Amino acid sequence: MDEVIALLVPNIVGWTAVFALFAWDEKRMTEEQRARAWPTASRRIAVVYFSPLCVPLHFLRTRRSLRGALEAVAWTAALVALLAAVDAGLDVLETAIP
């Protein structure tokens, strides 16, 4: 059972974080940027299969600029840090609860 939790929790947190990031980002995009974004079904599949790795593609695809590349690096680093924190928290819980 512990293995199932260790597998599900980071995935659910990662998916939720990426979906929230994309929803927030799409609200601030221009019409031109929104036109270059993935269609809804493609975005969902990309998030579920490639969670943090789809973030740089999203920003590079929609922004096509140096700022987009920098945002891609920053948001990807933030998501990787979040997932590392979740893994560390699960490790702490695993050792604390026999």
PDB file of N, CA and C in Angstrom:
ATOM      1  N   MET A   1       0.817  -1.200   0.000  1.00  0.00           N
ATOM      2  CA  MET A   1       0.000   0.000   0.000  1.00  0.00           C
ATOM      3  C   MET A   1       0.862   1.265   0.000  1.00  0.00           C
ATOM      4  N   ASP A   2       1.986   1.216   0.715  1.00  0.00           N
ATOM      5  CA  ASP A   2       2.875   2.377   0.766  1.00  0.00           C
ATOM      6  C   ASP A   2       3.410   2.738  -0.616  1.00  0.00           C
ATOM      7  N   GLU A   3       3.658   1.712  -1.423  1.00  0.00           N
ATOM      8  CA  GLU A   3       4.167   1.961  -2.769  1.00  0.00           C
ATOM      9  C   GLU A   3       3.123   2.677  -3.630  1.00  0.00           C
ATOM     10  N   VAL A   4       1.867   2.317  -3.425  1.00  0.00           N
ATOM     11  CA  VAL A   4       0.790   2.949  -4.184  1.00  0.00           C
ATOM     12  C   VAL A   4       0.698   4.425  -3.821  1.00  0.00           C
ATOM     13  N   ILE A   5       0.759   4.728  -2.546  1.00  0.00           N
ATOM     14  CA  ILE A   5       0.710   6.129  -2.094  1.00  0.00           C
ATOM     15  C   ILE A   5       1.921   6.891  -2.606  1.00  0.00           C
ATOM     16  N   ALA A   6       3.093   6.266  -2.526  1.00  0.00           N
ATOM     17  CA  ALA A   6       4.315   6.921  -2.999  1.00  0.00           C
ATOM     18  C   ALA A   6       4.267   7.187  -4.506  1.00  0.00           C
ATOM     19  N   LEU A   7       3.504   6.403  -5.238  1.00  0.00           N
ATOM     20  CA  LEU A   7       3.370   6.606  -6.673  1.00  0.00           C
ATOM     21  C   LEU A   7       2.271   7.620  -7.001  1.00  0.00           C
ATOM     22  N   LEU A   8       1.143   7.525  -6.317  1.00  0.00           N
ATOM     23  CA  LEU A   8       0.000   8.369  -6.641  1.00  0.00           C
ATOM     24  C   LEU A   8       0.146   9.816  -6.181  1.00  0.00           C
ATOM     25  N   VAL A   9       0.612  10.028  -4.972  1.00  0.00           N
ATOM     26  CA  VAL A   9       0.649  11.388  -4.416  1.00  0.00           C
ATOM     27  C   VAL A   9       1.502  12.334  -5.265  1.00  0.00           C
ATOM     28  N   PRO A  10       2.742  11.990  -5.599  1.00  0.00           N
ATOM     29  CA  PRO A  10       3.514  12.923  -6.442  1.00  0.00           C
ATOM     30  C   PRO A  10       2.872  13.165  -7.808  1.00  0.00           C
ATOM     31  N   ASN A  11       2.281  12.132  -8.395  1.00  0.00           N
ATOM     32  CA  ASN A  11       1.630  12.314  -9.695  1.00  0.00           C
ATOM     33  C   ASN A  11       0.432  13.243  -9.587  1.00  0.00           C
ATOM     34  N   ILE A  12      -0.395  13.042  -8.583  1.00  0.00           N
ATOM     35  CA  ILE A  12      -1.578  13.891  -8.418  1.00  0.00           C
ATOM     36  C   ILE A  12      -1.174  15.329  -8.136  1.00  0.00           C
ATOM     37  N   VAL A  13      -0.181  15.526  -7.295  1.00  0.00           N
ATOM     38  CA  VAL A  13       0.302  16.884  -7.007  1.00  0.00           C
ATOM     39  C   VAL A  13       0.876  17.519  -8.266  1.00  0.00           C
ATOM     40  N   GLY A  14       1.666  16.764  -9.016  1.00  0.00           N
ATOM     41  CA  GLY A  14       2.256  17.286 -10.255  1.00  0.00           C
ATOM     42  C   GLY A  14       1.201  17.652 -11.278  1.00  0.00           C
ATOM     43  N   TRP A  15       0.238  16.773 -11.489  1.00  0.00           N
ATOM     44  CA  TRP A  15      -0.825  17.059 -12.459  1.00  0.00           C
ATOM     45  C   TRP A  15      -1.625  18.286 -12.044  1.00  0.00           C
ATOM     46  N   THR A  16      -1.970  18.341 -10.779  1.00  0.00           N
ATOM     47  CA  THR A  16      -2.759  19.475 -10.291  1.00  0.00           C
ATOM     48  C   THR A  16      -1.996  20.781 -10.466  1.00  0.00           C
ATOM     49  N   ALA A  17      -0.713  20.765 -10.133  1.00  0.00           N
ATOM     50  CA  ALA A  17       0.106  21.976 -10.255  1.00  0.00           C
ATOM     51  C   ALA A  17       0.223  22.420 -11.713  1.00  0.00           C
ATOM     52  N   VAL A  18       0.431  21.487 -12.618  1.00  0.00           N
ATOM     53  CA  VAL A  18       0.584  21.848 -14.040  1.00  0.00           C
ATOM     54  C   VAL A  18      -0.740  22.338 -14.614  1.00  0.00           C
ATOM     55  N   PHE A  19      -1.842  21.653 -14.290  1.00  0.00           N
ATOM     56  CA  PHE A  19      -3.153  22.121 -14.764  1.00  0.00           C
ATOM     57  C   PHE A  19      -3.448  23.528 -14.245  1.00  0.00           C
ATOM     58  N   ALA A  20      -3.135  23.776 -12.966  1.00  0.00           N
ATOM     59  CA  ALA A  20      -3.370  25.105 -12.392  1.00  0.00           C
ATOM     60  C   ALA A  20      -2.479  26.155 -13.063  1.00  0.00           C
ATOM     61  N   LEU A  21      -1.221  25.816 -13.309  1.00  0.00           N
ATOM     62  CA  LEU A  21      -0.309  26.736 -13.977  1.00  0.00           C
ATOM     63  C   LEU A  21      -0.815  27.081 -15.371  1.00  0.00           C
ATOM     64  N   PHE A  22      -1.234  26.075 -16.129  1.00  0.00           N
ATOM     65  CA  PHE A  22      -1.717  26.325 -17.481  1.00  0.00           C
ATOM     66  C   PHE A  22      -3.005  27.151 -17.479  1.00  0.00           C
ATOM     67  N   ALA A  23      -3.897  26.875 -16.538  1.00  0.00           N
ATOM     68  CA  ALA A  23      -5.141  27.657 -16.458  1.00  0.00           C
ATOM     69  C   ALA A  23      -4.827  29.112 -16.140  1.00  0.00           C
ATOM     70  N   TRP A  24      -3.920  29.337 -15.200  1.00  0.00           N
ATOM     71  CA  TRP A  24      -3.525  30.711 -14.843  1.00  0.00           C
ATOM     72  C   TRP A  24      -2.839  31.392 -16.018  1.00  0.00           C
ATOM     73  N   ASP A  25      -1.955  30.659 -16.684  1.00  0.00           N
ATOM     74  CA  ASP A  25      -1.198  31.243 -17.791  1.00  0.00           C
ATOM     75  C   ASP A  25      -2.105  31.585 -18.971  1.00  0.00           C
ATOM     76  N   GLU A  26      -3.071  30.750 -19.255  1.00  0.00           N
ATOM     77  CA  GLU A  26      -3.952  31.025 -20.394  1.00  0.00           C
ATOM     78  C   GLU A  26      -4.808  32.265 -20.168  1.00  0.00           C
ATOM     79  N   LYS A  27      -5.087  32.589 -18.936  1.00  0.00           N
ATOM     80  CA  LYS A  27      -5.858  33.807 -18.651  1.00  0.00           C
ATOM     81  C   LYS A  27      -5.067  35.068 -18.969  1.00  0.00           C
ATOM     82  N   ARG A  28      -3.742  34.976 -18.908  1.00  0.00           N
ATOM     83  CA  ARG A  28      -2.925  36.160 -19.156  1.00  0.00           C
ATOM     84  C   ARG A  28      -2.317  36.205 -20.556  1.00  0.00           C
ATOM     85  N   MET A  29      -2.616  35.211 -21.392  1.00  0.00           N
ATOM     86  CA  MET A  29      -2.089  35.161 -22.753  1.00  0.00           C
ATOM     87  C   MET A  29      -2.850  36.114 -23.678  1.00  0.00           C
ATOM     88  N   THR A  30      -2.151  36.547 -24.709  1.00  0.00           N
ATOM     89  CA  THR A  30      -2.817  37.304 -25.780  1.00  0.00           C
ATOM     90  C   THR A  30      -3.567  36.314 -26.680  1.00  0.00           C
ATOM     91  N   GLU A  31      -4.391  36.838 -27.549  1.00  0.00           N
ATOM     92  CA  GLU A  31      -5.128  35.979 -28.484  1.00  0.00           C
ATOM     93  C   GLU A  31      -4.172  35.214 -29.398  1.00  0.00           C
ATOM     94  N   GLU A  32      -3.119  35.875 -29.823  1.00  0.00           N
ATOM     95  CA  GLU A  32      -2.129  35.222 -30.688  1.00  0.00           C
ATOM     96  C   GLU A  32      -1.454  34.058 -29.971  1.00  0.00           C
ATOM     97  N   GLN A  33      -1.084  34.278 -28.711  1.00  0.00           N
ATOM     98  CA  GLN A  33      -0.455  33.211 -27.932  1.00  0.00           C
ATOM     99  C   GLN A  33      -1.435  32.075 -27.687  1.00  0.00           C
ATOM    100  N   ARG A  34      -2.668  32.405 -27.372  1.00  0.00           N
ATOM    101  CA  ARG A  34      -3.693  31.403 -27.120  1.00  0.00           C
ATOM    102  C   ARG A  34      -3.942  30.553 -28.371  1.00  0.00           C
ATOM    103  N   ALA A  35      -3.832  31.155 -29.533  1.00  0.00           N
ATOM    104  CA  ALA A  35      -4.023  30.415 -30.786  1.00  0.00           C
ATOM    105  C   ALA A  35      -2.908  29.383 -31.007  1.00  0.00           C
ATOM    106  N   ARG A  36      -1.714  29.653 -30.460  1.00  0.00           N
ATOM    107  CA  ARG A  36      -0.594  28.714 -30.601  1.00  0.00           C
ATOM    108  C   ARG A  36      -0.595  27.638 -29.523  1.00  0.00           C
ATOM    109  N   ALA A  37      -1.420  27.783 -28.500  1.00  0.00           N
ATOM    110  CA  ALA A  37      -1.455  26.812 -27.407  1.00  0.00           C
ATOM    111  C   ALA A  37      -2.056  25.495 -27.881  1.00  0.00           C
ATOM    112  N   TRP A  38      -1.801  24.445 -27.107  1.00  0.00           N
ATOM    113  CA  TRP A  38      -2.360  23.143 -27.430  1.00  0.00           C
ATOM    114  C   TRP A  38      -3.878  23.166 -27.334  1.00  0.00           C
ATOM    115  N   PRO A  39      -4.552  22.401 -28.171  1.00  0.00           N
ATOM    116  CA  PRO A  39      -5.992  22.200 -27.977  1.00  0.00           C
ATOM    117  C   PRO A  39      -6.215  21.508 -26.627  1.00  0.00           C
ATOM    118  N   THR A  40      -7.394  21.649 -26.079  1.00  0.00           N
ATOM    119  CA  THR A  40      -7.673  21.158 -24.723  1.00  0.00           C
ATOM    120  C   THR A  40      -7.337  19.677 -24.549  1.00  0.00           C
ATOM    121  N   ALA A  41      -7.781  18.833 -25.458  1.00  0.00           N
ATOM    122  CA  ALA A  41      -7.529  17.393 -25.327  1.00  0.00           C
ATOM    123  C   ALA A  41      -6.034  17.083 -25.378  1.00  0.00           C
ATOM    124  N   SER A  42      -5.312  17.720 -26.259  1.00  0.00           N
ATOM    125  CA  SER A  42      -3.868  17.500 -26.371  1.00  0.00           C
ATOM    126  C   SER A  42      -3.150  17.972 -25.115  1.00  0.00           C
ATOM    127  N   ARG A  43      -3.579  19.110 -24.574  1.00  0.00           N
ATOM    128  CA  ARG A  43      -2.966  19.629 -23.356  1.00  0.00           C
ATOM    129  C   ARG A  43      -3.166  18.656 -22.204  1.00  0.00           C
ATOM    130  N   ARG A  44      -4.363  18.119 -22.074  1.00  0.00           N
ATOM    131  CA  ARG A  44      -4.640  17.167 -20.980  1.00  0.00           C
ATOM    132  C   ARG A  44      -3.769  15.921 -21.093  1.00  0.00           C
ATOM    133  N   ILE A  45      -3.659  15.392 -22.293  1.00  0.00           N
ATOM    134  CA  ILE A  45      -2.825  14.201 -22.496  1.00  0.00           C
ATOM    135  C   ILE A  45      -1.363  14.519 -22.181  1.00  0.00           C
ATOM    136  N   ALA A  46      -0.879  15.678 -22.630  1.00  0.00           N
ATOM    137  CA  ALA A  46       0.513  16.064 -22.371  1.00  0.00           C
ATOM    138  C   ALA A  46       0.768  16.189 -20.877  1.00  0.00           C
ATOM    139  N   VAL A  47      -0.166  16.778 -20.152  1.00  0.00           N
ATOM    140  CA  VAL A  47       0.018  16.943 -18.702  1.00  0.00           C
ATOM    141  C   VAL A  47       0.048  15.588 -18.013  1.00  0.00           C
ATOM    142  N   VAL A  48      -0.863  14.710 -18.354  1.00  0.00           N
ATOM    143  CA  VAL A  48      -0.930  13.407 -17.679  1.00  0.00           C
ATOM    144  C   VAL A  48       0.293  12.549 -18.008  1.00  0.00           C
ATOM    145  N   TYR A  49       0.721  12.548 -19.254  1.00  0.00           N
ATOM    146  CA  TYR A  49       1.846  11.693 -19.638  1.00  0.00           C
ATOM    147  C   TYR A  49       3.212  12.299 -19.331  1.00  0.00           C
ATOM    148  N   PHE A  50       3.352  13.605 -19.462  1.00  0.00           N
ATOM    149  CA  PHE A  50       4.681  14.222 -19.380  1.00  0.00           C
ATOM    150  C   PHE A  50       4.784  15.299 -18.309  1.00  0.00           C
ATOM    151  N   SER A  51       3.896  15.322 -17.366  1.00  0.00           N
ATOM    152  CA  SER A  51       3.671  16.357 -16.362  1.00  0.00           C
ATOM    153  C   SER A  51       4.641  17.541 -16.371  1.00  0.00           C
ATOM    154  N   PRO A  52       5.748  17.547 -15.623  1.00  0.00           N
ATOM    155  CA  PRO A  52       6.550  18.777 -15.636  1.00  0.00           C
ATOM    156  C   PRO A  52       7.295  19.009 -16.947  1.00  0.00           C
ATOM    157  N   LEU A  53       7.495  17.960 -17.726  1.00  0.00           N
ATOM    158  CA  LEU A  53       8.244  18.113 -18.977  1.00  0.00           C
ATOM    159  C   LEU A  53       7.450  18.828 -20.069  1.00  0.00           C
ATOM    160  N   CYS A  54       6.125  18.890 -19.931  1.00  0.00           N
ATOM    161  CA  CYS A  54       5.329  19.589 -20.943  1.00  0.00           C
ATOM    162  C   CYS A  54       5.324  21.101 -20.708  1.00  0.00           C
ATOM    163  N   VAL A  55       5.766  21.538 -19.542  1.00  0.00           N
ATOM    164  CA  VAL A  55       5.764  22.968 -19.218  1.00  0.00           C
ATOM    165  C   VAL A  55       6.693  23.773 -20.133  1.00  0.00           C
ATOM    166  N   PRO A  56       7.941  23.338 -20.338  1.00  0.00           N
ATOM    167  CA  PRO A  56       8.790  24.118 -21.242  1.00  0.00           C
ATOM    168  C   PRO A  56       8.224  24.168 -22.663  1.00  0.00           C
ATOM    169  N   LEU A  57       7.656  23.073 -23.114  1.00  0.00           N
ATOM    170  CA  LEU A  57       7.066  23.075 -24.453  1.00  0.00           C
ATOM    171  C   LEU A  57       5.913  24.061 -24.556  1.00  0.00           C
ATOM    172  N   HIS A  58       5.106  24.136 -23.513  1.00  0.00           N
ATOM    173  CA  HIS A  58       3.976  25.072 -23.508  1.00  0.00           C
ATOM    174  C   HIS A  58       4.467  26.513 -23.648  1.00  0.00           C
ATOM    175  N   PHE A  59       5.448  26.895 -22.825  1.00  0.00           N
ATOM    176  CA  PHE A  59       5.908  28.282 -22.856  1.00  0.00           C
ATOM    177  C   PHE A  59       6.664  28.604 -24.138  1.00  0.00           C
ATOM    178  N   LEU A  60       7.457  27.671 -24.620  1.00  0.00           N
ATOM    179  CA  LEU A  60       8.183  27.923 -25.866  1.00  0.00           C
ATOM    180  C   LEU A  60       7.228  27.975 -27.052  1.00  0.00           C
ATOM    181  N   ARG A  61       6.222  27.146 -27.027  1.00  0.00           N
ATOM    182  CA  ARG A  61       5.246  27.117 -28.128  1.00  0.00           C
ATOM    183  C   ARG A  61       4.390  28.378 -28.158  1.00  0.00           C
ATOM    184  N   THR A  62       3.965  28.851 -26.993  1.00  0.00           N
ATOM    185  CA  THR A  62       3.061  30.002 -26.963  1.00  0.00           C
ATOM    186  C   THR A  62       3.800  31.330 -27.000  1.00  0.00           C
ATOM    187  N   ARG A  63       4.993  31.418 -26.439  1.00  0.00           N
ATOM    188  CA  ARG A  63       5.700  32.695 -26.348  1.00  0.00           C
ATOM    189  C   ARG A  63       6.635  32.956 -27.514  1.00  0.00           C
ATOM    190  N   ARG A  64       7.410  31.949 -27.904  1.00  0.00           N
ATOM    191  CA  ARG A  64       8.382  32.074 -28.994  1.00  0.00           C
ATOM    192  C   ARG A  64       9.299  33.280 -28.824  1.00  0.00           C
ATOM    193  N   SER A  65       9.847  33.397 -27.613  1.00  0.00           N
ATOM    194  CA  SER A  65      10.724  34.526 -27.318  1.00  0.00           C
ATOM    195  C   SER A  65      11.694  34.124 -26.208  1.00  0.00           C
ATOM    196  N   LEU A  66      12.660  34.992 -25.957  1.00  0.00           N
ATOM    197  CA  LEU A  66      13.588  34.762 -24.851  1.00  0.00           C
ATOM    198  C   LEU A  66      12.841  34.758 -23.529  1.00  0.00           C
ATOM    199  N   ARG A  67      11.878  35.652 -23.387  1.00  0.00           N
ATOM    200  CA  ARG A  67      11.085  35.682 -22.150  1.00  0.00           C
ATOM    201  C   ARG A  67      10.350  34.355 -21.959  1.00  0.00           C
ATOM    202  N   GLY A  68       9.816  33.804 -23.030  1.00  0.00           N
ATOM    203  CA  GLY A  68       9.143  32.514 -22.956  1.00  0.00           C
ATOM    204  C   GLY A  68      10.091  31.411 -22.519  1.00  0.00           C
ATOM    205  N   ALA A  69      11.320  31.451 -23.039  1.00  0.00           N
ATOM    206  CA  ALA A  69      12.320  30.460 -22.649  1.00  0.00           C
ATOM    207  C   ALA A  69      12.671  30.592 -21.164  1.00  0.00           C
ATOM    208  N   LEU A  70      12.798  31.826 -20.700  1.00  0.00           N
ATOM    209  CA  LEU A  70      13.101  32.042 -19.282  1.00  0.00           C
ATOM    210  C   LEU A  70      11.943  31.608 -18.389  1.00  0.00           C
ATOM    211  N   GLU A  71      10.722  31.894 -18.820  1.00  0.00           N
ATOM    212  CA  GLU A  71       9.558  31.433 -18.057  1.00  0.00           C
ATOM    213  C   GLU A  71       9.517  29.908 -18.037  1.00  0.00           C
ATOM    214  N   ALA A  72       9.841  29.281 -19.144  1.00  0.00           N
ATOM    215  CA  ALA A  72       9.861  27.820 -19.216  1.00  0.00           C
ATOM    216  C   ALA A  72      10.834  27.239 -18.200  1.00  0.00           C
ATOM    217  N   VAL A  73      12.022  27.806 -18.137  1.00  0.00           N
ATOM    218  CA  VAL A  73      13.034  27.320 -17.188  1.00  0.00           C
ATOM    219  C   VAL A  73      12.575  27.556 -15.752  1.00  0.00           C
ATOM    220  N   ALA A  74      12.056  28.745 -15.479  1.00  0.00           N
ATOM    221  CA  ALA A  74      11.645  29.077 -14.109  1.00  0.00           C
ATOM    222  C   ALA A  74      10.491  28.191 -13.632  1.00  0.00           C
ATOM    223  N   TRP A  75       9.457  28.039 -14.444  1.00  0.00           N
ATOM    224  CA  TRP A  75       8.309  27.233 -14.023  1.00  0.00           C
ATOM    225  C   TRP A  75       8.654  25.758 -13.942  1.00  0.00           C
ATOM    226  N   THR A  76       9.493  25.273 -14.830  1.00  0.00           N
ATOM    227  CA  THR A  76       9.902  23.872 -14.759  1.00  0.00           C
ATOM    228  C   THR A  76      10.716  23.623 -13.493  1.00  0.00           C
ATOM    229  N   ALA A  77      11.620  24.528 -13.173  1.00  0.00           N
ATOM    230  CA  ALA A  77      12.409  24.395 -11.944  1.00  0.00           C
ATOM    231  C   ALA A  77      11.510  24.427 -10.711  1.00  0.00           C
ATOM    232  N   ALA A  78      10.512  25.299 -10.719  1.00  0.00           N
ATOM    233  CA  ALA A  78       9.589  25.380  -9.590  1.00  0.00           C
ATOM    234  C   ALA A  78       8.799  24.082  -9.427  1.00  0.00           C
ATOM    235  N   LEU A  79       8.349  23.512 -10.531  1.00  0.00           N
ATOM    236  CA  LEU A  79       7.601  22.257 -10.451  1.00  0.00           C
ATOM    237  C   LEU A  79       8.474  21.088 -10.010  1.00  0.00           C
ATOM    238  N   VAL A  80       9.702  21.050 -10.486  1.00  0.00           N
ATOM    239  CA  VAL A  80      10.621  19.993 -10.057  1.00  0.00           C
ATOM    240  C   VAL A  80      10.915  20.143  -8.565  1.00  0.00           C
ATOM    241  N   ALA A  81      11.071  21.369  -8.091  1.00  0.00           N
ATOM    242  CA  ALA A  81      11.294  21.594  -6.664  1.00  0.00           C
ATOM    243  C   ALA A  81      10.077  21.165  -5.846  1.00  0.00           C
ATOM    244  N   LEU A  82       8.882  21.462  -6.343  1.00  0.00           N
ATOM    245  CA  LEU A  82       7.663  21.030  -5.664  1.00  0.00           C
ATOM    246  C   LEU A  82       7.603  19.513  -5.571  1.00  0.00           C
ATOM    247  N   LEU A  83       7.890  18.834  -6.657  1.00  0.00           N
ATOM    248  CA  LEU A  83       7.856  17.373  -6.647  1.00  0.00           C
ATOM    249  C   LEU A  83       8.936  16.782  -5.748  1.00  0.00           C
ATOM    250  N   ALA A  84      10.094  17.426  -5.684  1.00  0.00           N
ATOM    251  CA  ALA A  84      11.151  16.975  -4.774  1.00  0.00           C
ATOM    252  C   ALA A  84      10.711  17.142  -3.324  1.00  0.00           C
ATOM    253  N   ALA A  85      10.020  18.241  -3.032  1.00  0.00           N
ATOM    254  CA  ALA A  85       9.518  18.467  -1.675  1.00  0.00           C
ATOM    255  C   ALA A  85       8.459  17.431  -1.303  1.00  0.00           C
ATOM    256  N   VAL A  86       7.597  17.102  -2.248  1.00  0.00           N
ATOM    257  CA  VAL A  86       6.579  16.076  -1.993  1.00  0.00           C
ATOM    258  C   VAL A  86       7.246  14.736  -1.721  1.00  0.00           C
ATOM    259  N   ASP A  87       8.234  14.370  -2.517  1.00  0.00           N
ATOM    260  CA  ASP A  87       8.959  13.116  -2.288  1.00  0.00           C
ATOM    261  C   ASP A  87       9.661  13.108  -0.941  1.00  0.00           C
ATOM    262  N   ALA A  88      10.275  14.228  -0.589  1.00  0.00           N
ATOM    263  CA  ALA A  88      10.945  14.318   0.715  1.00  0.00           C
ATOM    264  C   ALA A  88       9.930  14.189   1.844  1.00  0.00           C
ATOM    265  N   GLY A  89       8.777  14.830   1.686  1.00  0.00           N
ATOM    266  CA  GLY A  89       7.735  14.721   2.697  1.00  0.00           C
ATOM    267  C   GLY A  89       7.225  13.299   2.846  1.00  0.00           C
ATOM    268  N   LEU A  90       7.062  12.601   1.740  1.00  0.00           N
ATOM    269  CA  LEU A  90       6.640  11.203   1.807  1.00  0.00           C
ATOM    270  C   LEU A  90       7.696  10.330   2.466  1.00  0.00           C
ATOM    271  N   ASP A  91       8.974  10.607   2.216  1.00  0.00           N
ATOM    272  CA  ASP A  91      10.047   9.867   2.878  1.00  0.00           C
ATOM    273  C   ASP A  91      10.014  10.085   4.385  1.00  0.00           C
ATOM    274  N   VAL A  92       9.779  11.321   4.796  1.00  0.00           N
ATOM    275  CA  VAL A  92       9.702  11.629   6.225  1.00  0.00           C
ATOM    276  C   VAL A  92       8.530  10.879   6.857  1.00  0.00           C
ATOM    277  N   LEU A  93       7.384  10.906   6.184  1.00  0.00           N
ATOM    278  CA  LEU A  93       6.218  10.201   6.713  1.00  0.00           C
ATOM    279  C   LEU A  93       6.455   8.692   6.786  1.00  0.00           C
ATOM    280  N   GLU A  94       7.139   8.173   5.794  1.00  0.00           N
ATOM    281  CA  GLU A  94       7.420   6.726   5.774  1.00  0.00           C
ATOM    282  C   GLU A  94       8.295   6.299   6.934  1.00  0.00           C
ATOM    283  N   THR A  95       9.284   7.121   7.279  1.00  0.00           N
ATOM    284  CA  THR A  95      10.163   6.789   8.386  1.00  0.00           C
ATOM    285  C   THR A  95       9.510   7.065   9.737  1.00  0.00           C
ATOM    286  N   ALA A  96       8.582   8.047   9.779  1.00  0.00           N
ATOM    287  CA  ALA A  96       7.937   8.403  11.036  1.00  0.00           C
ATOM    288  C   ALA A  96       6.841   7.427  11.413  1.00  0.00           C
ATOM    289  N   ILE A  97       6.180   6.840  10.416  1.00  0.00           N
ATOM    290  CA  ILE A  97       5.070   5.920  10.684  1.00  0.00           C
ATOM    291  C   ILE A  97       5.547   4.502  10.381  1.00  0.00           C
ATOM    292  N   PRO A  98       5.672   3.683  11.427  1.00  0.00           N
ATOM    293  CA  PRO A  98       6.172   2.317  11.202  1.00  0.00           C
ATOM    294  C   PRO A  98       5.170   1.419  10.510  1.00  0.00           C
TER     295      PRO A  98
END
